[in-house]
């Protein structure tokens, strides 16, 4: 089918990729159905998912934090940071929290500046 060909390379998208995209699309719609039925369960699952997301994303950037300190750093409470990695980890968590609460409708210079300010809010450097 021509509708699944990549416009720049003219290579067809493999059927397995199309099937995965379809399943992702169906799952995204399915979540909204369960949000009304089991809000407490979804809220309970959101916390560990957020922690795992921040931990994994930070590890990709080389920011490794002791597992015993992760919950305290993600909670947003002001604590004494033991090293630069903990400060960066906490700033990344703050920026993600902002995006979860206020999903941006349009990318703007102000939004980028605000996210940058949150990312480096706990570090000594200027970013």
PDB file of N, CA and C in Angstrom:
ATOM      1  N   UNK A   1       0.835  -1.179   0.000  1.00  0.00           N
ATOM      2  CA  UNK A   1       0.000   0.000   0.000  1.00  0.00           C
ATOM      3  C   UNK A   1       0.876   1.236   0.000  1.00  0.00           C
ATOM      4  N   UNK A   2       0.556   2.193  -0.799  1.00  0.00           N
ATOM      5  CA  UNK A   2       1.338   3.416  -0.888  1.00  0.00           C
ATOM      6  C   UNK A   2       1.216   4.285   0.370  1.00  0.00           C
ATOM      7  N   UNK A   3       0.137   4.163   1.124  1.00  0.00           N
ATOM      8  CA  UNK A   3      -0.057   5.033   2.281  1.00  0.00           C
ATOM      9  C   UNK A   3       0.943   4.744   3.396  1.00  0.00           C
ATOM     10  N   UNK A   4       1.609   3.594   3.376  1.00  0.00           N
ATOM     11  CA  UNK A   4       2.563   3.253   4.417  1.00  0.00           C
ATOM     12  C   UNK A   4       4.004   3.361   3.938  1.00  0.00           C
ATOM     13  N   UNK A   5       4.245   4.071   2.857  1.00  0.00           N
ATOM     14  CA  UNK A   5       5.607   4.263   2.388  1.00  0.00           C
ATOM     15  C   UNK A   5       6.169   5.546   2.973  1.00  0.00           C
ATOM     16  N   UNK A   6       7.427   5.485   3.352  1.00  0.00           N
ATOM     17  CA  UNK A   6       8.102   6.660   3.906  1.00  0.00           C
ATOM     18  C   UNK A   6       8.329   7.654   2.770  1.00  0.00           C
ATOM     19  N   UNK A   7       7.923   8.903   2.920  1.00  0.00           N
ATOM     20  CA  UNK A   7       7.969   9.853   1.804  1.00  0.00           C
ATOM     21  C   UNK A   7       9.375  10.212   1.330  1.00  0.00           C
ATOM     22  N   UNK A   8      10.389  10.101   2.192  1.00  0.00           N
ATOM     23  CA  UNK A   8      11.729  10.501   1.792  1.00  0.00           C
ATOM     24  C   UNK A   8      12.541   9.350   1.198  1.00  0.00           C
ATOM     25  N   UNK A   9      12.323   8.137   1.682  1.00  0.00           N
ATOM     26  CA  UNK A   9      13.132   7.010   1.215  1.00  0.00           C
ATOM     27  C   UNK A   9      12.344   6.051   0.337  1.00  0.00           C
ATOM     28  N   UNK A  10      11.054   6.186   0.325  1.00  0.00           N
ATOM     29  CA  UNK A  10      10.165   5.307  -0.428  1.00  0.00           C
ATOM     30  C   UNK A  10      10.220   3.863   0.049  1.00  0.00           C
ATOM     31  N   UNK A  11      10.692   3.666   1.282  1.00  0.00           N
ATOM     32  CA  UNK A  11      10.687   2.328   1.862  1.00  0.00           C
ATOM     33  C   UNK A  11       9.354   2.108   2.561  1.00  0.00           C
ATOM     34  N   UNK A  12       8.745   0.942   2.378  1.00  0.00           N
ATOM     35  CA  UNK A  12       7.490   0.686   3.086  1.00  0.00           C
ATOM     36  C   UNK A  12       7.743   0.469   4.578  1.00  0.00           C
ATOM     37  N   UNK A  13       6.808   0.903   5.388  1.00  0.00           N
ATOM     38  CA  UNK A  13       6.894   0.673   6.828  1.00  0.00           C
ATOM     39  C   UNK A  13       6.525  -0.783   7.078  1.00  0.00           C
ATOM     40  N   UNK A  14       7.344  -1.529   7.822  1.00  0.00           N
ATOM     41  CA  UNK A  14       7.042  -2.943   8.069  1.00  0.00           C
ATOM     42  C   UNK A  14       5.694  -3.110   8.763  1.00  0.00           C
ATOM     43  N   UNK A  15       5.014  -4.178   8.418  1.00  0.00           N
ATOM     44  CA  UNK A  15       3.699  -4.456   9.004  1.00  0.00           C
ATOM     45  C   UNK A  15       3.746  -4.590  10.506  1.00  0.00           C
ATOM     46  N   UNK A  16       4.855  -5.103  11.056  1.00  0.00           N
ATOM     47  CA  UNK A  16       4.960  -5.248  12.514  1.00  0.00           C
ATOM     48  C   UNK A  16       4.945  -3.887  13.204  1.00  0.00           C
ATOM     49  N   UNK A  17       5.555  -2.887  12.575  1.00  0.00           N
ATOM     50  CA  UNK A  17       5.552  -1.529  13.138  1.00  0.00           C
ATOM     51  C   UNK A  17       4.141  -0.948  13.089  1.00  0.00           C
ATOM     52  N   UNK A  18       3.458  -1.148  11.984  1.00  0.00           N
ATOM     53  CA  UNK A  18       2.083  -0.654  11.847  1.00  0.00           C
ATOM     54  C   UNK A  18       1.191  -1.309  12.890  1.00  0.00           C
ATOM     55  N   UNK A  19       1.371  -2.611  13.125  1.00  0.00           N
ATOM     56  CA  UNK A  19       0.569  -3.319  14.128  1.00  0.00           C
ATOM     57  C   UNK A  19       0.849  -2.779  15.528  1.00  0.00           C
ATOM     58  N   UNK A  20       2.120  -2.491  15.846  1.00  0.00           N
ATOM     59  CA  UNK A  20       2.452  -1.919  17.159  1.00  0.00           C
ATOM     60  C   UNK A  20       1.848  -0.537  17.331  1.00  0.00           C
ATOM     61  N   UNK A  21       1.914   0.275  16.298  1.00  0.00           N
ATOM     62  CA  UNK A  21       1.312   1.612  16.376  1.00  0.00           C
ATOM     63  C   UNK A  21      -0.194   1.529  16.595  1.00  0.00           C
ATOM     64  N   UNK A  22      -0.827   0.567  15.977  1.00  0.00           N
ATOM     65  CA  UNK A  22      -2.271   0.378  16.163  1.00  0.00           C
ATOM     66  C   UNK A  22      -2.577  -0.013  17.603  1.00  0.00           C
ATOM     67  N   UNK A  23      -1.766  -0.902  18.181  1.00  0.00           N
ATOM     68  CA  UNK A  23      -1.982  -1.327  19.566  1.00  0.00           C
ATOM     69  C   UNK A  23      -1.752  -0.171  20.545  1.00  0.00           C
ATOM     70  N   UNK A  24      -0.745   0.650  20.262  1.00  0.00           N
ATOM     71  CA  UNK A  24      -0.493   1.818  21.117  1.00  0.00           C
ATOM     72  C   UNK A  24      -1.672   2.777  21.057  1.00  0.00           C
ATOM     73  N   UNK A  25      -2.189   3.003  19.873  1.00  0.00           N
ATOM     74  CA  UNK A  25      -3.331   3.902  19.703  1.00  0.00           C
ATOM     75  C   UNK A  25      -4.558   3.372  20.441  1.00  0.00           C
ATOM     76  N   UNK A  26      -4.786   2.086  20.362  1.00  0.00           N
ATOM     77  CA  UNK A  26      -5.925   1.499  21.068  1.00  0.00           C
ATOM     78  C   UNK A  26      -5.737   1.583  22.580  1.00  0.00           C
ATOM     79  N   UNK A  27      -4.497   1.377  23.044  1.00  0.00           N
ATOM     80  CA  UNK A  27      -4.221   1.456  24.475  1.00  0.00           C
ATOM     81  C   UNK A  27      -4.419   2.853  25.014  1.00  0.00           C
ATOM     82  N   UNK A  28      -4.047   3.858  24.242  1.00  0.00           N
ATOM     83  CA  UNK A  28      -4.220   5.240  24.685  1.00  0.00           C
ATOM     84  C   UNK A  28      -5.699   5.561  24.866  1.00  0.00           C
ATOM     85  N   UNK A  29      -6.525   5.059  23.993  1.00  0.00           N
ATOM     86  CA  UNK A  29      -7.963   5.279  24.136  1.00  0.00           C
ATOM     87  C   UNK A  29      -8.552   4.466  25.268  1.00  0.00           C
ATOM     88  N   UNK A  30      -7.982   3.282  25.526  1.00  0.00           N
ATOM     89  CA  UNK A  30      -8.490   2.408  26.586  1.00  0.00           C
ATOM     90  C   UNK A  30      -8.231   2.943  27.974  1.00  0.00           C
ATOM     91  N   UNK A  31      -7.161   3.715  28.140  1.00  0.00           N
ATOM     92  CA  UNK A  31      -6.836   4.250  29.451  1.00  0.00           C
ATOM     93  C   UNK A  31      -7.910   5.212  29.935  1.00  0.00           C
ATOM     94  N   UNK A  32      -8.446   6.010  29.034  1.00  0.00           N
ATOM     95  CA  UNK A  32      -9.455   6.986  29.440  1.00  0.00           C
ATOM     96  C   UNK A  32     -10.727   6.301  29.934  1.00  0.00           C
ATOM     97  N   UNK A  33     -11.019   5.121  29.421  1.00  0.00           N
ATOM     98  CA  UNK A  33     -12.201   4.389  29.891  1.00  0.00           C
ATOM     99  C   UNK A  33     -12.035   3.944  31.336  1.00  0.00           C
ATOM    100  N   UNK A  34     -10.818   3.500  31.699  1.00  0.00           N
ATOM    101  CA  UNK A  34     -10.581   2.991  33.042  1.00  0.00           C
ATOM    102  C   UNK A  34     -10.333   4.096  34.055  1.00  0.00           C
ATOM    103  N   UNK A  35     -10.020   5.287  33.601  1.00  0.00           N
ATOM    104  CA  UNK A  35      -9.776   6.395  34.506  1.00  0.00           C
ATOM    105  C   UNK A  35     -10.994   6.735  35.345  1.00  0.00           C
ATOM    106  N   UNK A  36     -12.171   6.589  34.771  1.00  0.00           N
ATOM    107  CA  UNK A  36     -13.403   6.870  35.515  1.00  0.00           C
ATOM    108  C   UNK A  36     -13.761   5.736  36.459  1.00  0.00           C
ATOM    109  N   UNK A  37     -13.388   4.517  36.093  1.00  0.00           N
ATOM    110  CA  UNK A  37     -13.787   3.352  36.883  1.00  0.00           C
ATOM    111  C   UNK A  37     -12.895   3.118  38.099  1.00  0.00           C
ATOM    112  N   UNK A  38     -11.581   3.299  37.940  1.00  0.00           N
ATOM    113  CA  UNK A  38     -10.647   2.992  39.017  1.00  0.00           C
ATOM    114  C   UNK A  38      -9.642   4.131  39.229  1.00  0.00           C
ATOM    115  N   UNK A  39     -10.094   5.312  39.630  1.00  0.00           N
ATOM    116  CA  UNK A  39      -9.150   6.434  39.762  1.00  0.00           C
ATOM    117  C   UNK A  39      -8.096   6.214  40.845  1.00  0.00           C
ATOM    118  N   UNK A  40      -8.446   5.522  41.949  1.00  0.00           N
ATOM    119  CA  UNK A  40      -7.474   5.299  43.011  1.00  0.00           C
ATOM    120  C   UNK A  40      -6.354   4.375  42.550  1.00  0.00           C
ATOM    121  N   UNK A  41      -6.712   3.361  41.776  1.00  0.00           N
ATOM    122  CA  UNK A  41      -5.704   2.441  41.274  1.00  0.00           C
ATOM    123  C   UNK A  41      -4.750   3.159  40.322  1.00  0.00           C
ATOM    124  N   UNK A  42      -5.299   3.959  39.424  1.00  0.00           N
ATOM    125  CA  UNK A  42      -4.448   4.700  38.492  1.00  0.00           C
ATOM    126  C   UNK A  42      -3.554   5.691  39.224  1.00  0.00           C
ATOM    127  N   UNK A  43      -4.075   6.329  40.260  1.00  0.00           N
ATOM    128  CA  UNK A  43      -3.258   7.267  41.034  1.00  0.00           C
ATOM    129  C   UNK A  43      -2.135   6.528  41.751  1.00  0.00           C
ATOM    130  N   UNK A  44      -2.420   5.342  42.271  1.00  0.00           N
ATOM    131  CA  UNK A  44      -1.396   4.552  42.950  1.00  0.00           C
ATOM    132  C   UNK A  44      -0.324   4.067  41.974  1.00  0.00           C
ATOM    133  N   UNK A  45      -0.706   3.759  40.749  1.00  0.00           N
ATOM    134  CA  UNK A  45       0.259   3.301  39.747  1.00  0.00           C
ATOM    135  C   UNK A  45       1.074   4.455  39.171  1.00  0.00           C
ATOM    136  N   UNK A  46       0.517   5.648  39.217  1.00  0.00           N
ATOM    137  CA  UNK A  46       1.189   6.816  38.651  1.00  0.00           C
ATOM    138  C   UNK A  46       2.480   7.150  39.409  1.00  0.00           C
ATOM    139  N   UNK A  47       2.473   6.980  40.731  1.00  0.00           N
ATOM    140  CA  UNK A  47       3.641   7.342  41.544  1.00  0.00           C
ATOM    141  C   UNK A  47       4.862   6.478  41.199  1.00  0.00           C
ATOM    142  N   UNK A  48       4.757   5.141  41.234  1.00  0.00           N
ATOM    143  CA  UNK A  48       5.952   4.360  40.872  1.00  0.00           C
ATOM    144  C   UNK A  48       6.342   4.519  39.409  1.00  0.00           C
ATOM    145  N   UNK A  49       5.380   4.749  38.539  1.00  0.00           N
ATOM    146  CA  UNK A  49       5.712   4.952  37.125  1.00  0.00           C
ATOM    147  C   UNK A  49       6.506   6.245  36.954  1.00  0.00           C
ATOM    148  N   UNK A  50       6.130   7.281  37.687  1.00  0.00           N
ATOM    149  CA  UNK A  50       6.851   8.551  37.631  1.00  0.00           C
ATOM    150  C   UNK A  50       8.267   8.387  38.149  1.00  0.00           C
ATOM    151  N   UNK A  51       8.418   7.658  39.243  1.00  0.00           N
ATOM    152  CA  UNK A  51       9.743   7.430  39.820  1.00  0.00           C
ATOM    153  C   UNK A  51      10.625   6.657  38.842  1.00  0.00           C
ATOM    154  N   UNK A  52      10.069   5.616  38.239  1.00  0.00           N
ATOM    155  CA  UNK A  52      10.833   4.833  37.265  1.00  0.00           C
ATOM    156  C   UNK A  52      11.209   5.672  36.052  1.00  0.00           C
ATOM    157  N   UNK A  53      10.300   6.519  35.614  1.00  0.00           N
ATOM    158  CA  UNK A  53      10.559   7.375  34.460  1.00  0.00           C
ATOM    159  C   UNK A  53      11.701   8.339  34.739  1.00  0.00           C
ATOM    160  N   UNK A  54      11.666   9.003  35.874  1.00  0.00           N
ATOM    161  CA  UNK A  54      12.714   9.965  36.225  1.00  0.00           C
ATOM    162  C   UNK A  54      14.047   9.247  36.408  1.00  0.00           C
ATOM    163  N   UNK A  55      14.024   8.088  37.069  1.00  0.00           N
ATOM    164  CA  UNK A  55      15.256   7.335  37.309  1.00  0.00           C
ATOM    165  C   UNK A  55      15.886   6.869  36.003  1.00  0.00           C
ATOM    166  N   UNK A  56      15.070   6.289  35.116  1.00  0.00           N
ATOM    167  CA  UNK A  56      15.598   5.766  33.851  1.00  0.00           C
ATOM    168  C   UNK A  56      16.082   6.890  32.937  1.00  0.00           C
ATOM    169  N   UNK A  57      15.310   7.973  32.838  1.00  0.00           N
ATOM    170  CA  UNK A  57      15.713   9.087  31.982  1.00  0.00           C
ATOM    171  C   UNK A  57      16.989   9.742  32.492  1.00  0.00           C
ATOM    172  N   UNK A  58      17.123   9.861  33.786  1.00  0.00           N
ATOM    173  CA  UNK A  58      18.333  10.445  34.356  1.00  0.00           C
ATOM    174  C   UNK A  58      19.534   9.536  34.127  1.00  0.00           C
ATOM    175  N   UNK A  59      19.332   8.234  34.230  1.00  0.00           N
ATOM    176  CA  UNK A  59      20.427   7.288  34.014  1.00  0.00           C
ATOM    177  C   UNK A  59      20.948   7.369  32.584  1.00  0.00           C
ATOM    178  N   UNK A  60      20.058   7.634  31.627  1.00  0.00           N
ATOM    179  CA  UNK A  60      20.487   7.782  30.235  1.00  0.00           C
ATOM    180  C   UNK A  60      21.483   8.932  30.113  1.00  0.00           C
ATOM    181  N   UNK A  61      21.271   9.987  30.893  1.00  0.00           N
ATOM    182  CA  UNK A  61      22.154  11.149  30.864  1.00  0.00           C
ATOM    183  C   UNK A  61      23.364  10.985  31.779  1.00  0.00           C
ATOM    184  N   UNK A  62      23.492   9.825  32.424  1.00  0.00           N
ATOM    185  CA  UNK A  62      24.630   9.580  33.301  1.00  0.00           C
ATOM    186  C   UNK A  62      24.425  10.074  34.717  1.00  0.00           C
ATOM    187  N   UNK A  63      23.200  10.448  35.063  1.00  0.00           N
ATOM    188  CA  UNK A  63      22.895  10.916  36.412  1.00  0.00           C
ATOM    189  C   UNK A  63      22.352   9.725  37.196  1.00  0.00           C
ATOM    190  N   UNK A  64      23.178   9.181  38.073  1.00  0.00           N
ATOM    191  CA  UNK A  64      22.818   8.010  38.855  1.00  0.00           C
ATOM    192  C   UNK A  64      22.649   8.438  40.308  1.00  0.00           C
ATOM    193  N   UNK A  65      21.522   8.016  40.905  1.00  0.00           N
ATOM    194  CA  UNK A  65      21.207   8.383  42.283  1.00  0.00           C
ATOM    195  C   UNK A  65      20.989   7.107  43.076  1.00  0.00           C
ATOM    196  N   UNK A  66      21.428   7.127  44.320  1.00  0.00           N
ATOM    197  CA  UNK A  66      21.242   5.998  45.223  1.00  0.00           C
ATOM    198  C   UNK A  66      19.744   5.705  45.377  1.00  0.00           C
ATOM    199  N   UNK A  67      19.370   4.440  45.233  1.00  0.00           N
ATOM    200  CA  UNK A  67      17.943   4.056  45.302  1.00  0.00           C
ATOM    201  C   UNK A  67      17.283   4.454  46.616  1.00  0.00           C
ATOM    202  N   UNK A  68      18.046   4.485  47.696  1.00  0.00           N
ATOM    203  CA  UNK A  68      17.475   4.863  48.989  1.00  0.00           C
ATOM    204  C   UNK A  68      17.059   6.331  49.013  1.00  0.00           C
ATOM    205  N   UNK A  69      17.638   7.167  48.153  1.00  0.00           N
ATOM    206  CA  UNK A  69      17.342   8.597  48.146  1.00  0.00           C
ATOM    207  C   UNK A  69      16.337   9.009  47.069  1.00  0.00           C
ATOM    208  N   UNK A  70      15.998   8.106  46.170  1.00  0.00           N
ATOM    209  CA  UNK A  70      15.147   8.446  45.026  1.00  0.00           C
ATOM    210  C   UNK A  70      13.790   8.989  45.469  1.00  0.00           C
ATOM    211  N   UNK A  71      13.111   8.303  46.362  1.00  0.00           N
ATOM    212  CA  UNK A  71      11.770   8.739  46.782  1.00  0.00           C
ATOM    213  C   UNK A  71      11.796  10.136  47.397  1.00  0.00           C
ATOM    214  N   UNK A  72      12.793  10.417  48.204  1.00  0.00           N
ATOM    215  CA  UNK A  72      12.887  11.740  48.842  1.00  0.00           C
ATOM    216  C   UNK A  72      13.132  12.823  47.795  1.00  0.00           C
ATOM    217  N   UNK A  73      13.966  12.521  46.793  1.00  0.00           N
ATOM    218  CA  UNK A  73      14.285  13.516  45.770  1.00  0.00           C
ATOM    219  C   UNK A  73      13.111  13.761  44.828  1.00  0.00           C
ATOM    220  N   UNK A  74      12.360  12.725  44.510  1.00  0.00           N
ATOM    221  CA  UNK A  74      11.222  12.865  43.595  1.00  0.00           C
ATOM    222  C   UNK A  74      10.038  13.527  44.286  1.00  0.00           C
ATOM    223  N   UNK A  75       9.964  13.421  45.608  1.00  0.00           N
ATOM    224  CA  UNK A  75       8.817  13.984  46.330  1.00  0.00           C
ATOM    225  C   UNK A  75       8.777  15.504  46.251  1.00  0.00           C
ATOM    226  N   UNK A  76       9.906  16.131  45.932  1.00  0.00           N
ATOM    227  CA  UNK A  76       9.924  17.583  45.778  1.00  0.00           C
ATOM    228  C   UNK A  76      10.232  18.338  47.046  1.00  0.00           C
ATOM    229  N   UNK A  77      10.437  17.639  48.148  1.00  0.00           N
ATOM    230  CA  UNK A  77      10.772  18.340  49.387  1.00  0.00           C
ATOM    231  C   UNK A  77      12.210  18.832  49.303  1.00  0.00           C
ATOM    232  N   UNK A  78      12.422  20.023  49.814  1.00  0.00           N
ATOM    233  CA  UNK A  78      13.774  20.595  49.804  1.00  0.00           C
ATOM    234  C   UNK A  78      14.636  19.841  50.810  1.00  0.00           C
ATOM    235  N   UNK A  79      15.683  19.226  50.309  1.00  0.00           N
ATOM    236  CA  UNK A  79      16.613  18.518  51.180  1.00  0.00           C
ATOM    237  C   UNK A  79      18.023  18.906  50.784  1.00  0.00           C
ATOM    238  N   UNK A  80      18.949  18.598  51.644  1.00  0.00           N
ATOM    239  CA  UNK A  80      20.348  18.814  51.302  1.00  0.00           C
ATOM    240  C   UNK A  80      20.780  17.758  50.300  1.00  0.00           C
ATOM    241  N   UNK A  81      21.290  18.191  49.179  1.00  0.00           N
ATOM    242  CA  UNK A  81      21.728  17.245  48.164  1.00  0.00           C
ATOM    243  C   UNK A  81      23.150  16.810  48.483  1.00  0.00           C
ATOM    244  N   UNK A  82      23.407  15.527  48.302  1.00  0.00           N
ATOM    245  CA  UNK A  82      24.727  14.989  48.614  1.00  0.00           C
ATOM    246  C   UNK A  82      25.734  15.235  47.491  1.00  0.00           C
ATOM    247  N   UNK A  83      25.238  15.375  46.274  1.00  0.00           N
ATOM    248  CA  UNK A  83      26.142  15.600  45.146  1.00  0.00           C
ATOM    249  C   UNK A  83      25.377  16.267  44.009  1.00  0.00           C
ATOM    250  N   UNK A  84      26.096  16.569  42.948  1.00  0.00           N
ATOM    251  CA  UNK A  84      25.505  17.254  41.792  1.00  0.00           C
ATOM    252  C   UNK A  84      24.445  16.388  41.118  1.00  0.00           C
ATOM    253  N   UNK A  85      24.653  15.075  41.105  1.00  0.00           N
ATOM    254  CA  UNK A  85      23.684  14.176  40.473  1.00  0.00           C
ATOM    255  C   UNK A  85      22.324  14.260  41.152  1.00  0.00           C
ATOM    256  N   UNK A  86      22.310  14.337  42.473  1.00  0.00           N
ATOM    257  CA  UNK A  86      21.033  14.439  43.183  1.00  0.00           C
ATOM    258  C   UNK A  86      20.331  15.748  42.861  1.00  0.00           C
ATOM    259  N   UNK A  87      21.068  16.837  42.742  1.00  0.00           N
ATOM    260  CA  UNK A  87      20.469  18.131  42.415  1.00  0.00           C
ATOM    261  C   UNK A  87      19.894  18.106  41.000  1.00  0.00           C
ATOM    262  N   UNK A  88      20.633  17.533  40.044  1.00  0.00           N
ATOM    263  CA  UNK A  88      20.131  17.430  38.674  1.00  0.00           C
ATOM    264  C   UNK A  88      18.905  16.527  38.606  1.00  0.00           C
ATOM    265  N   UNK A  89      18.939  15.427  39.347  1.00  0.00           N
ATOM    266  CA  UNK A  89      17.825  14.486  39.401  1.00  0.00           C
ATOM    267  C   UNK A  89      16.570  15.182  39.908  1.00  0.00           C
ATOM    268  N   UNK A  90      16.711  15.957  40.964  1.00  0.00           N
ATOM    269  CA  UNK A  90      15.574  16.665  41.547  1.00  0.00           C
ATOM    270  C   UNK A  90      15.023  17.727  40.593  1.00  0.00           C
ATOM    271  N   UNK A  91      15.898  18.416  39.888  1.00  0.00           N
ATOM    272  CA  UNK A  91      15.455  19.410  38.913  1.00  0.00           C
ATOM    273  C   UNK A  91      14.715  18.782  37.751  1.00  0.00           C
ATOM    274  N   UNK A  92      15.207  17.640  37.276  1.00  0.00           N
ATOM    275  CA  UNK A  92      14.527  16.931  36.185  1.00  0.00           C
ATOM    276  C   UNK A  92      13.145  16.473  36.631  1.00  0.00           C
ATOM    277  N   UNK A  93      13.056  16.000  37.866  1.00  0.00           N
ATOM    278  CA  UNK A  93      11.763  15.582  38.418  1.00  0.00           C
ATOM    279  C   UNK A  93      10.794  16.764  38.486  1.00  0.00           C
ATOM    280  N   UNK A  94      11.284  17.930  38.875  1.00  0.00           N
ATOM    281  CA  UNK A  94      10.434  19.125  38.954  1.00  0.00           C
ATOM    282  C   UNK A  94       9.926  19.531  37.572  1.00  0.00           C
ATOM    283  N   UNK A  95      10.793  19.450  36.566  1.00  0.00           N
ATOM    284  CA  UNK A  95      10.378  19.808  35.209  1.00  0.00           C
ATOM    285  C   UNK A  95       9.328  18.835  34.685  1.00  0.00           C
ATOM    286  N   UNK A  96       9.511  17.537  34.942  1.00  0.00           N
ATOM    287  CA  UNK A  96       8.508  16.555  34.508  1.00  0.00           C
ATOM    288  C   UNK A  96       7.188  16.755  35.232  1.00  0.00           C
ATOM    289  N   UNK A  97       7.262  17.045  36.523  1.00  0.00           N
ATOM    290  CA  UNK A  97       6.026  17.302  37.276  1.00  0.00           C
ATOM    291  C   UNK A  97       5.257  18.468  36.679  1.00  0.00           C
ATOM    292  N   UNK A  98       5.965  19.509  36.289  1.00  0.00           N
ATOM    293  CA  UNK A  98       5.309  20.659  35.673  1.00  0.00           C
ATOM    294  C   UNK A  98       4.611  20.249  34.375  1.00  0.00           C
ATOM    295  N   UNK A  99       5.288  19.444  33.571  1.00  0.00           N
ATOM    296  CA  UNK A  99       4.691  19.014  32.301  1.00  0.00           C
ATOM    297  C   UNK A  99       3.485  18.103  32.519  1.00  0.00           C
ATOM    298  N   UNK A 100       3.498  17.303  33.589  1.00  0.00           N
ATOM    299  CA  UNK A 100       2.348  16.439  33.877  1.00  0.00           C
ATOM    300  C   UNK A 100       1.143  17.250  34.330  1.00  0.00           C
ATOM    301  N   UNK A 101       1.394  18.287  35.115  1.00  0.00           N
ATOM    302  CA  UNK A 101       0.302  19.106  35.645  1.00  0.00           C
ATOM    303  C   UNK A 101      -0.221  20.074  34.595  1.00  0.00           C
ATOM    304  N   UNK A 102       0.693  20.694  33.860  1.00  0.00           N
ATOM    305  CA  UNK A 102       0.324  21.697  32.865  1.00  0.00           C
ATOM    306  C   UNK A 102       0.839  21.277  31.489  1.00  0.00           C
ATOM    307  N   UNK A 103       0.174  20.335  30.832  1.00  0.00           N
ATOM    308  CA  UNK A 103       0.685  19.931  29.521  1.00  0.00           C
ATOM    309  C   UNK A 103       0.672  21.118  28.553  1.00  0.00           C
ATOM    310  N   UNK A 104       1.810  21.392  27.932  1.00  0.00           N
ATOM    311  CA  UNK A 104       1.883  22.571  27.065  1.00  0.00           C
ATOM    312  C   UNK A 104       1.080  22.382  25.791  1.00  0.00           C
ATOM    313  N   UNK A 105       0.351  23.412  25.423  1.00  0.00           N
ATOM    314  CA  UNK A 105      -0.399  23.352  24.177  1.00  0.00           C
ATOM    315  C   UNK A 105       0.469  23.808  23.019  1.00  0.00           C
ATOM    316  N   UNK A 106       1.314  24.788  23.259  1.00  0.00           N
ATOM    317  CA  UNK A 106       2.206  25.306  22.225  1.00  0.00           C
ATOM    318  C   UNK A 106       3.600  25.469  22.796  1.00  0.00           C
ATOM    319  N   UNK A 107       4.583  25.114  22.004  1.00  0.00           N
ATOM    320  CA  UNK A 107       5.962  25.321  22.404  1.00  0.00           C
ATOM    321  C   UNK A 107       6.288  26.795  22.246  1.00  0.00           C
ATOM    322  N   UNK A 108       6.847  27.380  23.289  1.00  0.00           N
ATOM    323  CA  UNK A 108       7.179  28.796  23.229  1.00  0.00           C
ATOM    324  C   UNK A 108       8.509  29.038  23.929  1.00  0.00           C
ATOM    325  N   UNK A 109       9.068  30.194  23.708  1.00  0.00           N
ATOM    326  CA  UNK A 109      10.322  30.565  24.356  1.00  0.00           C
ATOM    327  C   UNK A 109      10.125  30.613  25.872  1.00  0.00           C
ATOM    328  N   UNK A 110       8.990  31.134  26.308  1.00  0.00           N
ATOM    329  CA  UNK A 110       8.709  31.208  27.736  1.00  0.00           C
ATOM    330  C   UNK A 110       8.656  29.839  28.387  1.00  0.00           C
ATOM    331  N   UNK A 111       8.046  28.863  27.700  1.00  0.00           N
ATOM    332  CA  UNK A 111       7.972  27.504  28.238  1.00  0.00           C
ATOM    333  C   UNK A 111       9.365  26.891  28.336  1.00  0.00           C
ATOM    334  N   UNK A 112      10.166  27.069  27.299  1.00  0.00           N
ATOM    335  CA  UNK A 112      11.530  26.525  27.307  1.00  0.00           C
ATOM    336  C   UNK A 112      12.337  27.151  28.445  1.00  0.00           C
ATOM    337  N   UNK A 113      12.217  28.452  28.627  1.00  0.00           N
ATOM    338  CA  UNK A 113      12.936  29.126  29.716  1.00  0.00           C
ATOM    339  C   UNK A 113      12.470  28.633  31.078  1.00  0.00           C
ATOM    340  N   UNK A 114      11.168  28.432  31.231  1.00  0.00           N
ATOM    341  CA  UNK A 114      10.647  27.950  32.506  1.00  0.00           C
ATOM    342  C   UNK A 114      11.129  26.528  32.798  1.00  0.00           C
ATOM    343  N   UNK A 115      11.095  25.642  31.799  1.00  0.00           N
ATOM    344  CA  UNK A 115      11.583  24.275  31.994  1.00  0.00           C
ATOM    345  C   UNK A 115      13.077  24.273  32.305  1.00  0.00           C
ATOM    346  N   UNK A 116      13.840  25.152  31.651  1.00  0.00           N
ATOM    347  CA  UNK A 116      15.271  25.264  31.918  1.00  0.00           C
ATOM    348  C   UNK A 116      15.508  25.720  33.352  1.00  0.00           C
ATOM    349  N   UNK A 117      14.707  26.678  33.805  1.00  0.00           N
ATOM    350  CA  UNK A 117      14.812  27.175  35.177  1.00  0.00           C
ATOM    351  C   UNK A 117      14.513  26.047  36.171  1.00  0.00           C
ATOM    352  N   UNK A 118      13.497  25.229  35.877  1.00  0.00           N
ATOM    353  CA  UNK A 118      13.175  24.108  36.759  1.00  0.00           C
ATOM    354  C   UNK A 118      14.284  23.061  36.750  1.00  0.00           C
ATOM    355  N   UNK A 119      14.827  22.761  35.579  1.00  0.00           N
ATOM    356  CA  UNK A 119      15.883  21.756  35.480  1.00  0.00           C
ATOM    357  C   UNK A 119      17.095  22.114  36.334  1.00  0.00           C
ATOM    358  N   UNK A 120      17.449  23.384  36.355  1.00  0.00           N
ATOM    359  CA  UNK A 120      18.651  23.801  37.062  1.00  0.00           C
ATOM    360  C   UNK A 120      18.357  24.527  38.370  1.00  0.00           C
ATOM    361  N   UNK A 121      17.130  24.390  38.869  1.00  0.00           N
ATOM    362  CA  UNK A 121      16.731  25.112  40.072  1.00  0.00           C
ATOM    363  C   UNK A 121      17.476  24.663  41.325  1.00  0.00           C
ATOM    364  N   UNK A 122      17.989  23.449  41.334  1.00  0.00           N
ATOM    365  CA  UNK A 122      18.666  22.938  42.535  1.00  0.00           C
ATOM    366  C   UNK A 122      20.178  22.884  42.387  1.00  0.00           C
ATOM    367  N   UNK A 123      20.690  23.302  41.246  1.00  0.00           N
ATOM    368  CA  UNK A 123      22.141  23.239  41.029  1.00  0.00           C
ATOM    369  C   UNK A 123      22.767  24.602  41.261  1.00  0.00           C
ATOM    370  N   UNK A 124      24.070  24.609  41.462  1.00  0.00           N
ATOM    371  CA  UNK A 124      24.795  25.856  41.687  1.00  0.00           C
ATOM    372  C   UNK A 124      25.084  26.587  40.381  1.00  0.00           C
ATOM    373  N   UNK A 125      25.165  25.828  39.283  1.00  0.00           N
ATOM    374  CA  UNK A 125      25.514  26.433  38.003  1.00  0.00           C
ATOM    375  C   UNK A 125      24.343  27.187  37.401  1.00  0.00           C
ATOM    376  N   UNK A 126      24.628  27.846  36.296  1.00  0.00           N
ATOM    377  CA  UNK A 126      23.601  28.626  35.614  1.00  0.00           C
ATOM    378  C   UNK A 126      22.927  27.836  34.502  1.00  0.00           C
ATOM    379  N   UNK A 127      23.333  26.613  34.283  1.00  0.00           N
ATOM    380  CA  UNK A 127      22.717  25.801  33.237  1.00  0.00           C
ATOM    381  C   UNK A 127      23.392  25.935  31.910  1.00  0.00           C
TER     382      UNK A 127
END
